[in-house]
Amino acid sequence: MSQEEFSENDWRRLIASFGEDPDRPGLQETPARVAKAWKHWTSGYEQDPVKLLKAFEDGAEQYNEFIIVRNIPVYSHCEHHLAPFFGKATVGYIPNGKIVGLSKLTRLVDCFSKRLQVQERMTMQIANALMDVLEPKAVGVIIKCRHLCMESRGIRTPGEETVTSAMLGELQPNLAMRTEFLALAKD
């Protein structure tokens, strides 16, 4: 399947389809700006999550407790309406001899959020990538987002958050470990 670039002309046609004049002064540069913005908002397709998670084997041999990064910004677009959804992610894991630079957890969230998404799948993609690359004892991911498709159309419920979680490895059967992760993940 060939990938056809969505051109500035296509954005001009979209603007005109709303009944607007794409040549009026306030809109003349909009097609170029929108094309650039969507290239950024979908740049996660060009990233390989495995390459983002370069693991270190030094410094983690003795560490067997949670490593958690909270309040990671999430900015994405739902695949159903192309409407933005945004919020925060918490990502944590218990190493099994390998660690990853803390900024890599933020980059991993950014990689998957810069794709057309549903929050549930994105949560699992982040957790599975960590499990596959680091092979840790446990992985936990919690994402809380507001969805503009719900807030600005349809049911119109401003301020509601959708919360998704993934608990993999030892977090699934171990209630004490789950409880610890959830306590550490709280804002």
N, C-alpha and C. Protein backbone atom coordinates (compact mmCIF):
# COMPACT_ATOMS: atom_id res chain seq x y z
N MET A 1 0.85 -1.18 0.00
CA MET A 1 0.00 0.00 0.00
C MET A 1 0.89 1.24 0.00
N SER A 2 0.66 2.13 -0.94
CA SER A 2 1.48 3.33 -1.01
C SER A 2 0.95 4.38 -0.04
N GLN A 3 1.87 5.13 0.50
CA GLN A 3 1.51 6.16 1.45
C GLN A 3 1.43 7.48 0.70
N GLU A 4 0.25 8.05 0.63
CA GLU A 4 0.08 9.30 -0.08
C GLU A 4 0.09 10.45 0.92
N GLU A 5 0.93 11.42 0.67
CA GLU A 5 1.07 12.59 1.54
C GLU A 5 -0.18 13.46 1.46
N PHE A 6 -0.68 13.87 2.59
CA PHE A 6 -1.82 14.79 2.65
C PHE A 6 -1.23 16.18 2.45
N SER A 7 -1.59 16.83 1.37
CA SER A 7 -0.94 18.08 0.99
C SER A 7 -1.64 19.30 1.59
N GLU A 8 -0.96 20.42 1.47
CA GLU A 8 -1.56 21.68 1.90
C GLU A 8 -2.84 21.94 1.12
N ASN A 9 -2.87 21.53 -0.13
CA ASN A 9 -4.07 21.70 -0.95
C ASN A 9 -5.25 20.92 -0.36
N ASP A 10 -4.97 19.73 0.17
CA ASP A 10 -6.03 18.95 0.82
C ASP A 10 -6.57 19.69 2.04
N TRP A 11 -5.68 20.30 2.83
CA TRP A 11 -6.14 21.07 3.99
C TRP A 11 -6.94 22.28 3.55
N ARG A 12 -6.55 22.92 2.43
CA ARG A 12 -7.31 24.04 1.88
C ARG A 12 -8.72 23.58 1.51
N ARG A 13 -8.80 22.43 0.87
CA ARG A 13 -10.12 21.88 0.48
C ARG A 13 -10.97 21.60 1.72
N LEU A 14 -10.35 21.07 2.78
CA LEU A 14 -11.09 20.80 4.02
C LEU A 14 -11.66 22.10 4.59
N ILE A 15 -10.82 23.12 4.65
CA ILE A 15 -11.27 24.42 5.16
C ILE A 15 -12.43 24.95 4.32
N ALA A 16 -12.30 24.85 3.00
CA ALA A 16 -13.37 25.31 2.11
C ALA A 16 -14.65 24.50 2.30
N SER A 17 -14.50 23.20 2.64
CA SER A 17 -15.69 22.35 2.83
C SER A 17 -16.51 22.78 4.04
N PHE A 18 -15.90 23.52 4.98
CA PHE A 18 -16.62 24.04 6.13
C PHE A 18 -17.42 25.29 5.78
N GLY A 19 -17.18 25.83 4.57
CA GLY A 19 -17.82 27.08 4.17
C GLY A 19 -16.93 28.29 4.40
N GLU A 20 -15.68 28.03 4.72
CA GLU A 20 -14.71 29.11 4.96
C GLU A 20 -13.94 29.41 3.68
N ASP A 21 -13.33 30.57 3.66
CA ASP A 21 -12.49 30.97 2.54
C ASP A 21 -11.02 30.75 2.94
N PRO A 22 -10.38 29.73 2.39
CA PRO A 22 -8.99 29.47 2.78
C PRO A 22 -8.01 30.56 2.34
N ASP A 23 -8.51 31.51 1.52
CA ASP A 23 -7.64 32.60 1.05
C ASP A 23 -7.76 33.87 1.90
N ARG A 24 -8.67 33.87 2.87
CA ARG A 24 -8.78 35.08 3.70
C ARG A 24 -7.52 35.19 4.56
N PRO A 25 -7.13 36.39 4.95
CA PRO A 25 -5.84 36.61 5.63
C PRO A 25 -5.57 35.71 6.83
N GLY A 26 -6.56 35.46 7.68
CA GLY A 26 -6.32 34.64 8.87
C GLY A 26 -6.11 33.16 8.57
N LEU A 27 -6.48 32.72 7.37
CA LEU A 27 -6.38 31.30 7.02
C LEU A 27 -5.34 30.98 5.95
N GLN A 28 -4.73 31.97 5.36
CA GLN A 28 -3.81 31.73 4.25
C GLN A 28 -2.68 30.77 4.61
N GLU A 29 -2.13 30.89 5.80
CA GLU A 29 -1.00 30.03 6.19
C GLU A 29 -1.44 28.81 7.01
N THR A 30 -2.73 28.72 7.27
CA THR A 30 -3.24 27.61 8.09
C THR A 30 -2.95 26.24 7.48
N PRO A 31 -3.17 26.02 6.18
CA PRO A 31 -2.89 24.68 5.64
C PRO A 31 -1.45 24.22 5.88
N ALA A 32 -0.48 25.09 5.76
CA ALA A 32 0.92 24.72 6.01
C ALA A 32 1.14 24.42 7.49
N ARG A 33 0.55 25.26 8.36
CA ARG A 33 0.69 25.03 9.80
C ARG A 33 0.04 23.72 10.22
N VAL A 34 -1.14 23.43 9.68
CA VAL A 34 -1.86 22.21 10.05
C VAL A 34 -1.10 20.97 9.55
N ALA A 35 -0.57 21.05 8.35
CA ALA A 35 0.21 19.91 7.81
C ALA A 35 1.41 19.63 8.71
N LYS A 36 2.08 20.70 9.13
CA LYS A 36 3.24 20.54 10.01
C LYS A 36 2.83 19.98 11.38
N ALA A 37 1.71 20.48 11.91
CA ALA A 37 1.22 20.01 13.22
C ALA A 37 0.87 18.53 13.17
N TRP A 38 0.16 18.08 12.13
CA TRP A 38 -0.21 16.67 12.05
C TRP A 38 0.99 15.77 11.84
N LYS A 39 2.01 16.28 11.17
CA LYS A 39 3.24 15.49 11.03
C LYS A 39 3.85 15.25 12.41
N HIS A 40 3.84 16.28 13.26
CA HIS A 40 4.34 16.15 14.63
C HIS A 40 3.44 15.24 15.46
N TRP A 41 2.12 15.45 15.38
CA TRP A 41 1.17 14.68 16.19
C TRP A 41 1.15 13.20 15.85
N THR A 42 1.65 12.84 14.67
CA THR A 42 1.67 11.43 14.27
C THR A 42 3.09 10.91 14.09
N SER A 43 4.07 11.58 14.67
CA SER A 43 5.48 11.18 14.50
C SER A 43 5.82 9.88 15.22
N GLY A 44 4.93 9.37 16.05
CA GLY A 44 5.18 8.11 16.73
C GLY A 44 5.28 6.92 15.79
N TYR A 45 4.67 7.04 14.62
CA TYR A 45 4.76 5.95 13.63
C TYR A 45 6.18 5.77 13.12
N GLU A 46 6.97 6.83 13.19
CA GLU A 46 8.35 6.78 12.70
C GLU A 46 9.34 6.33 13.77
N GLN A 47 8.85 6.08 14.98
CA GLN A 47 9.73 5.70 16.09
C GLN A 47 9.60 4.21 16.39
N ASP A 48 10.72 3.61 16.72
CA ASP A 48 10.75 2.20 17.12
C ASP A 48 10.89 2.15 18.64
N PRO A 49 9.84 1.67 19.34
CA PRO A 49 9.90 1.65 20.80
C PRO A 49 11.07 0.83 21.34
N VAL A 50 11.47 -0.21 20.63
CA VAL A 50 12.59 -1.04 21.08
C VAL A 50 13.88 -0.22 21.10
N LYS A 51 14.08 0.60 20.08
CA LYS A 51 15.29 1.43 20.03
C LYS A 51 15.28 2.52 21.10
N LEU A 52 14.07 2.97 21.48
CA LEU A 52 13.96 3.98 22.54
C LEU A 52 14.40 3.44 23.89
N LEU A 53 14.19 2.14 24.10
CA LEU A 53 14.42 1.53 25.41
C LEU A 53 15.79 0.86 25.51
N LYS A 54 16.83 1.59 25.24
CA LYS A 54 18.18 1.05 25.39
C LYS A 54 18.43 0.74 26.86
N ALA A 55 18.63 -0.52 27.14
CA ALA A 55 18.76 -0.96 28.53
C ALA A 55 20.21 -0.91 29.00
N PHE A 56 20.37 -0.66 30.30
CA PHE A 56 21.66 -0.69 30.95
C PHE A 56 21.69 -1.90 31.88
N GLU A 57 22.78 -2.60 31.90
CA GLU A 57 22.88 -3.74 32.81
C GLU A 57 23.76 -3.43 34.00
N ASP A 58 24.31 -2.23 34.05
CA ASP A 58 25.11 -1.86 35.20
C ASP A 58 24.28 -0.97 36.12
N GLY A 59 24.37 -1.20 37.38
CA GLY A 59 23.66 -0.39 38.35
C GLY A 59 22.34 -0.97 38.79
N ALA A 60 21.86 -2.02 38.13
CA ALA A 60 20.55 -2.56 38.48
C ALA A 60 20.63 -3.94 39.11
N GLU A 61 21.82 -4.50 39.19
CA GLU A 61 21.93 -5.88 39.66
C GLU A 61 21.33 -6.08 41.05
N GLN A 62 21.53 -5.12 41.92
CA GLN A 62 21.06 -5.25 43.30
C GLN A 62 19.71 -4.60 43.54
N TYR A 63 19.20 -3.86 42.56
CA TYR A 63 17.97 -3.11 42.78
C TYR A 63 16.77 -3.97 42.39
N ASN A 64 15.86 -4.18 43.33
CA ASN A 64 14.70 -5.03 43.04
C ASN A 64 13.40 -4.43 43.57
N GLU A 65 13.33 -3.09 43.57
CA GLU A 65 12.11 -2.39 43.97
C GLU A 65 11.59 -1.60 42.77
N PHE A 66 10.44 -0.98 42.93
CA PHE A 66 9.83 -0.24 41.84
C PHE A 66 10.68 0.95 41.40
N ILE A 67 10.69 1.18 40.11
CA ILE A 67 11.17 2.42 39.50
C ILE A 67 9.95 2.99 38.81
N ILE A 68 9.51 4.17 39.24
CA ILE A 68 8.25 4.73 38.73
C ILE A 68 8.48 6.18 38.31
N VAL A 69 7.93 6.52 37.15
CA VAL A 69 7.90 7.91 36.70
C VAL A 69 6.42 8.30 36.60
N ARG A 70 6.05 9.34 37.34
CA ARG A 70 4.66 9.79 37.38
C ARG A 70 4.49 11.08 36.58
N ASN A 71 3.24 11.36 36.27
CA ASN A 71 2.86 12.62 35.62
C ASN A 71 3.53 12.83 34.27
N ILE A 72 3.68 11.78 33.50
CA ILE A 72 4.21 11.88 32.15
C ILE A 72 3.10 12.45 31.27
N PRO A 73 3.35 13.55 30.57
CA PRO A 73 2.29 14.13 29.74
C PRO A 73 1.89 13.20 28.59
N VAL A 74 0.59 13.13 28.35
CA VAL A 74 0.04 12.36 27.24
C VAL A 74 -0.76 13.33 26.37
N TYR A 75 -0.41 13.42 25.10
CA TYR A 75 -1.18 14.18 24.11
C TYR A 75 -1.35 13.26 22.91
N SER A 76 -2.60 12.89 22.63
CA SER A 76 -2.85 11.97 21.53
C SER A 76 -4.12 12.37 20.81
N HIS A 77 -4.47 11.59 19.80
CA HIS A 77 -5.71 11.80 19.04
C HIS A 77 -6.42 10.46 18.91
N CYS A 78 -7.72 10.46 19.19
CA CYS A 78 -8.47 9.22 19.10
C CYS A 78 -8.66 8.84 17.64
N GLU A 79 -8.59 7.56 17.39
CA GLU A 79 -8.70 7.09 16.01
C GLU A 79 -10.14 7.13 15.50
N HIS A 80 -11.10 7.35 16.37
CA HIS A 80 -12.50 7.36 15.95
C HIS A 80 -12.95 8.70 15.39
N HIS A 81 -12.45 9.81 15.96
CA HIS A 81 -12.88 11.14 15.53
C HIS A 81 -11.70 12.07 15.19
N LEU A 82 -10.48 11.61 15.41
CA LEU A 82 -9.27 12.43 15.30
C LEU A 82 -9.29 13.57 16.31
N ALA A 83 -10.08 13.42 17.34
CA ALA A 83 -10.16 14.44 18.39
C ALA A 83 -9.04 14.22 19.40
N PRO A 84 -8.53 15.30 19.96
CA PRO A 84 -7.47 15.15 20.95
C PRO A 84 -7.95 14.49 22.24
N PHE A 85 -7.05 13.74 22.85
CA PHE A 85 -7.22 13.35 24.25
C PHE A 85 -5.90 13.57 24.94
N PHE A 86 -5.97 13.92 26.22
CA PHE A 86 -4.75 14.36 26.90
C PHE A 86 -4.86 14.07 28.38
N GLY A 87 -3.72 13.90 29.01
CA GLY A 87 -3.68 13.64 30.44
C GLY A 87 -2.29 13.30 30.90
N LYS A 88 -2.23 12.33 31.81
CA LYS A 88 -0.95 11.95 32.42
C LYS A 88 -0.84 10.43 32.49
N ALA A 89 0.40 9.97 32.40
CA ALA A 89 0.68 8.54 32.53
C ALA A 89 1.64 8.34 33.70
N THR A 90 1.50 7.19 34.33
CA THR A 90 2.44 6.72 35.33
C THR A 90 2.95 5.38 34.82
N VAL A 91 4.27 5.25 34.76
CA VAL A 91 4.88 4.02 34.25
C VAL A 91 5.90 3.54 35.28
N GLY A 92 5.80 2.28 35.64
CA GLY A 92 6.74 1.73 36.61
C GLY A 92 7.08 0.29 36.31
N TYR A 93 8.22 -0.14 36.84
CA TYR A 93 8.64 -1.53 36.67
C TYR A 93 9.58 -1.92 37.80
N ILE A 94 9.68 -3.21 38.01
CA ILE A 94 10.67 -3.77 38.93
C ILE A 94 11.71 -4.46 38.07
N PRO A 95 12.95 -3.96 38.09
CA PRO A 95 13.96 -4.52 37.20
C PRO A 95 14.34 -5.95 37.55
N ASN A 96 14.85 -6.61 36.55
CA ASN A 96 15.36 -7.97 36.70
C ASN A 96 16.77 -8.00 36.13
N GLY A 97 17.60 -7.05 36.60
CA GLY A 97 18.99 -6.98 36.14
C GLY A 97 19.24 -5.91 35.11
N LYS A 98 18.19 -5.37 34.46
CA LYS A 98 18.35 -4.32 33.45
C LYS A 98 17.49 -3.13 33.82
N ILE A 99 18.05 -1.94 33.62
CA ILE A 99 17.28 -0.71 33.82
C ILE A 99 17.36 0.11 32.53
N VAL A 100 16.52 1.11 32.48
CA VAL A 100 16.50 2.01 31.33
C VAL A 100 16.56 3.44 31.88
N GLY A 101 17.18 4.33 31.11
CA GLY A 101 17.21 5.73 31.54
C GLY A 101 15.81 6.24 31.80
N LEU A 102 15.63 7.01 32.85
CA LEU A 102 14.30 7.47 33.24
C LEU A 102 13.59 8.24 32.13
N SER A 103 14.34 9.02 31.37
CA SER A 103 13.72 9.79 30.28
C SER A 103 13.15 8.87 29.20
N LYS A 104 13.65 7.65 29.14
CA LYS A 104 13.16 6.71 28.12
C LYS A 104 11.72 6.31 28.37
N LEU A 105 11.29 6.30 29.63
CA LEU A 105 9.89 5.99 29.92
C LEU A 105 8.98 7.08 29.37
N THR A 106 9.41 8.33 29.51
CA THR A 106 8.66 9.44 28.95
C THR A 106 8.65 9.35 27.43
N ARG A 107 9.79 9.03 26.84
CA ARG A 107 9.86 8.90 25.38
C ARG A 107 8.98 7.77 24.86
N LEU A 108 8.88 6.69 25.63
CA LEU A 108 8.04 5.57 25.24
C LEU A 108 6.56 5.98 25.22
N VAL A 109 6.12 6.68 26.24
CA VAL A 109 4.75 7.18 26.27
C VAL A 109 4.52 8.11 25.09
N ASP A 110 5.45 9.01 24.83
CA ASP A 110 5.34 9.95 23.73
C ASP A 110 5.25 9.23 22.38
N CYS A 111 6.05 8.19 22.21
CA CYS A 111 6.05 7.41 20.97
C CYS A 111 4.67 6.85 20.67
N PHE A 112 4.06 6.21 21.64
CA PHE A 112 2.76 5.59 21.41
C PHE A 112 1.61 6.61 21.40
N SER A 113 1.79 7.73 22.10
CA SER A 113 0.72 8.73 22.09
C SER A 113 0.71 9.52 20.78
N LYS A 114 1.81 9.54 20.06
CA LYS A 114 1.85 10.26 18.79
C LYS A 114 1.50 9.32 17.62
N ARG A 115 0.42 8.60 17.84
CA ARG A 115 -0.19 7.74 16.82
C ARG A 115 -1.70 7.90 17.02
N LEU A 116 -2.47 7.59 16.01
CA LEU A 116 -3.91 7.56 16.22
C LEU A 116 -4.19 6.42 17.17
N GLN A 117 -4.95 6.67 18.24
CA GLN A 117 -5.01 5.72 19.33
C GLN A 117 -6.39 5.55 19.92
N VAL A 118 -6.51 4.50 20.70
CA VAL A 118 -7.50 4.39 21.75
C VAL A 118 -6.67 4.22 23.02
N GLN A 119 -7.14 4.80 24.10
CA GLN A 119 -6.35 4.83 25.33
C GLN A 119 -6.05 3.42 25.84
N GLU A 120 -7.00 2.51 25.71
CA GLU A 120 -6.82 1.16 26.21
C GLU A 120 -5.64 0.46 25.51
N ARG A 121 -5.59 0.58 24.18
CA ARG A 121 -4.51 -0.06 23.43
C ARG A 121 -3.16 0.59 23.75
N MET A 122 -3.15 1.93 23.83
CA MET A 122 -1.91 2.63 24.14
C MET A 122 -1.34 2.18 25.49
N THR A 123 -2.20 2.00 26.47
CA THR A 123 -1.77 1.54 27.79
C THR A 123 -1.06 0.19 27.68
N MET A 124 -1.67 -0.73 26.93
CA MET A 124 -1.07 -2.06 26.76
C MET A 124 0.20 -2.02 25.92
N GLN A 125 0.25 -1.16 24.91
CA GLN A 125 1.45 -1.06 24.08
C GLN A 125 2.65 -0.62 24.91
N ILE A 126 2.45 0.34 25.78
CA ILE A 126 3.53 0.83 26.64
C ILE A 126 4.00 -0.30 27.57
N ALA A 127 3.05 -0.96 28.21
CA ALA A 127 3.39 -2.04 29.15
C ALA A 127 4.08 -3.20 28.44
N ASN A 128 3.55 -3.61 27.30
CA ASN A 128 4.14 -4.73 26.57
C ASN A 128 5.54 -4.41 26.05
N ALA A 129 5.76 -3.18 25.60
CA ALA A 129 7.10 -2.80 25.13
C ALA A 129 8.11 -2.91 26.26
N LEU A 130 7.74 -2.44 27.45
CA LEU A 130 8.65 -2.56 28.60
C LEU A 130 8.92 -4.02 28.95
N MET A 131 7.88 -4.84 28.95
CA MET A 131 8.06 -6.26 29.27
C MET A 131 8.96 -6.94 28.25
N ASP A 132 8.73 -6.65 26.98
CA ASP A 132 9.49 -7.32 25.91
C ASP A 132 10.97 -6.93 25.92
N VAL A 133 11.24 -5.64 26.13
CA VAL A 133 12.62 -5.16 26.01
C VAL A 133 13.42 -5.37 27.30
N LEU A 134 12.83 -5.02 28.44
CA LEU A 134 13.58 -5.08 29.71
C LEU A 134 13.47 -6.43 30.41
N GLU A 135 12.43 -7.18 30.09
CA GLU A 135 12.16 -8.44 30.78
C GLU A 135 12.20 -8.26 32.30
N PRO A 136 11.46 -7.26 32.80
CA PRO A 136 11.46 -7.00 34.24
C PRO A 136 10.59 -8.01 34.99
N LYS A 137 10.65 -7.92 36.31
CA LYS A 137 9.79 -8.78 37.13
C LYS A 137 8.34 -8.34 37.03
N ALA A 138 8.11 -7.04 36.90
CA ALA A 138 6.75 -6.52 36.84
C ALA A 138 6.74 -5.18 36.11
N VAL A 139 5.59 -4.88 35.50
CA VAL A 139 5.37 -3.59 34.84
C VAL A 139 3.97 -3.12 35.20
N GLY A 140 3.88 -1.83 35.51
CA GLY A 140 2.57 -1.21 35.75
C GLY A 140 2.47 0.09 34.97
N VAL A 141 1.33 0.29 34.33
CA VAL A 141 1.07 1.52 33.58
C VAL A 141 -0.34 1.99 33.93
N ILE A 142 -0.47 3.25 34.29
CA ILE A 142 -1.77 3.86 34.55
C ILE A 142 -1.83 5.14 33.71
N ILE A 143 -2.91 5.28 32.96
CA ILE A 143 -3.09 6.49 32.15
C ILE A 143 -4.46 7.09 32.49
N LYS A 144 -4.45 8.41 32.75
CA LYS A 144 -5.67 9.16 33.03
C LYS A 144 -5.77 10.27 32.00
N CYS A 145 -6.85 10.27 31.22
CA CYS A 145 -6.99 11.27 30.16
C CYS A 145 -8.40 11.82 30.07
N ARG A 146 -8.46 13.04 29.57
CA ARG A 146 -9.71 13.68 29.15
C ARG A 146 -9.79 13.56 27.64
N HIS A 147 -10.98 13.22 27.15
CA HIS A 147 -11.20 12.99 25.72
C HIS A 147 -12.14 14.05 25.17
N LEU A 148 -11.63 14.85 24.21
CA LEU A 148 -12.46 15.92 23.66
C LEU A 148 -13.62 15.39 22.83
N CYS A 149 -13.53 14.15 22.35
CA CYS A 149 -14.67 13.59 21.63
C CYS A 149 -15.87 13.42 22.57
N MET A 150 -15.62 13.22 23.85
CA MET A 150 -16.70 13.13 24.85
C MET A 150 -17.07 14.51 25.40
N GLU A 151 -16.08 15.39 25.53
CA GLU A 151 -16.33 16.68 26.16
C GLU A 151 -16.98 17.70 25.24
N SER A 152 -16.64 17.66 23.97
CA SER A 152 -17.08 18.73 23.07
C SER A 152 -18.18 18.31 22.11
N ARG A 153 -18.52 17.04 22.07
CA ARG A 153 -19.60 16.54 21.21
C ARG A 153 -20.20 15.32 21.88
N GLY A 154 -21.18 14.73 21.27
CA GLY A 154 -21.78 13.53 21.86
C GLY A 154 -22.36 13.82 23.23
N ILE A 155 -21.88 13.12 24.23
CA ILE A 155 -22.44 13.22 25.59
C ILE A 155 -22.11 14.55 26.28
N ARG A 156 -21.06 15.22 25.86
CA ARG A 156 -20.65 16.53 26.39
C ARG A 156 -20.50 16.52 27.90
N THR A 157 -19.49 15.84 28.35
CA THR A 157 -19.23 15.72 29.79
C THR A 157 -17.87 16.31 30.12
N PRO A 158 -17.78 17.61 30.28
CA PRO A 158 -16.49 18.25 30.55
C PRO A 158 -15.86 17.79 31.85
N GLY A 159 -14.56 17.56 31.80
CA GLY A 159 -13.80 17.25 33.00
C GLY A 159 -13.71 15.78 33.38
N GLU A 160 -14.48 14.92 32.74
CA GLU A 160 -14.39 13.50 33.07
C GLU A 160 -13.04 12.94 32.63
N GLU A 161 -12.50 12.05 33.45
CA GLU A 161 -11.26 11.37 33.12
C GLU A 161 -11.55 9.90 32.87
N THR A 162 -10.85 9.38 31.88
CA THR A 162 -10.87 7.94 31.63
C THR A 162 -9.56 7.40 32.19
N VAL A 163 -9.64 6.35 32.98
CA VAL A 163 -8.46 5.75 33.60
C VAL A 163 -8.31 4.33 33.07
N THR A 164 -7.11 4.03 32.56
CA THR A 164 -6.80 2.68 32.11
C THR A 164 -5.53 2.22 32.83
N SER A 165 -5.41 0.92 32.98
CA SER A 165 -4.21 0.39 33.63
C SER A 165 -3.82 -0.93 33.00
N ALA A 166 -2.54 -1.22 33.12
CA ALA A 166 -2.00 -2.52 32.71
C ALA A 166 -1.06 -2.96 33.82
N MET A 167 -1.23 -4.16 34.30
CA MET A 167 -0.38 -4.73 35.35
C MET A 167 0.13 -6.07 34.82
N LEU A 168 1.41 -6.13 34.53
CA LEU A 168 1.99 -7.33 33.92
C LEU A 168 3.05 -7.95 34.83
N GLY A 169 3.38 -9.19 34.52
CA GLY A 169 4.38 -9.90 35.30
C GLY A 169 3.86 -10.21 36.69
N GLU A 170 4.71 -10.02 37.69
CA GLU A 170 4.34 -10.35 39.07
C GLU A 170 3.25 -9.45 39.65
N LEU A 171 2.94 -8.34 38.97
CA LEU A 171 1.87 -7.47 39.44
C LEU A 171 0.49 -8.11 39.30
N GLN A 172 0.35 -9.05 38.37
CA GLN A 172 -0.96 -9.68 38.17
C GLN A 172 -1.38 -10.53 39.36
N PRO A 173 -0.56 -11.48 39.81
CA PRO A 173 -1.03 -12.35 40.89
C PRO A 173 -0.74 -11.83 42.30
N ASN A 174 0.15 -10.84 42.44
CA ASN A 174 0.63 -10.43 43.74
C ASN A 174 -0.12 -9.18 44.23
N LEU A 175 -1.11 -9.38 45.08
CA LEU A 175 -1.94 -8.28 45.57
C LEU A 175 -1.13 -7.25 46.35
N ALA A 176 -0.18 -7.68 47.15
CA ALA A 176 0.63 -6.74 47.94
C ALA A 176 1.46 -5.85 47.00
N MET A 177 2.01 -6.44 45.95
CA MET A 177 2.82 -5.67 45.00
C MET A 177 1.93 -4.69 44.23
N ARG A 178 0.73 -5.12 43.85
CA ARG A 178 -0.22 -4.23 43.17
C ARG A 178 -0.57 -3.05 44.06
N THR A 179 -0.83 -3.33 45.31
CA THR A 179 -1.19 -2.29 46.27
C THR A 179 -0.06 -1.28 46.42
N GLU A 180 1.17 -1.79 46.50
CA GLU A 180 2.34 -0.90 46.60
C GLU A 180 2.46 -0.02 45.35
N PHE A 181 2.32 -0.64 44.17
CA PHE A 181 2.42 0.13 42.94
C PHE A 181 1.35 1.22 42.90
N LEU A 182 0.12 0.88 43.21
CA LEU A 182 -0.96 1.86 43.17
C LEU A 182 -0.75 2.98 44.18
N ALA A 183 -0.20 2.66 45.35
CA ALA A 183 0.10 3.69 46.35
C ALA A 183 1.21 4.62 45.86
N LEU A 184 2.25 4.06 45.27
CA LEU A 184 3.35 4.89 44.76
C LEU A 184 2.94 5.70 43.54
N ALA A 185 1.97 5.20 42.80
CA ALA A 185 1.53 5.88 41.57
C ALA A 185 0.62 7.06 41.84
N LYS A 186 0.06 7.14 43.04
CA LYS A 186 -0.87 8.23 43.36
C LYS A 186 -0.19 9.58 43.29
N ASP A 187 -0.97 10.54 42.82
CA ASP A 187 -0.46 11.93 42.75
C ASP A 187 -0.41 12.56 44.12
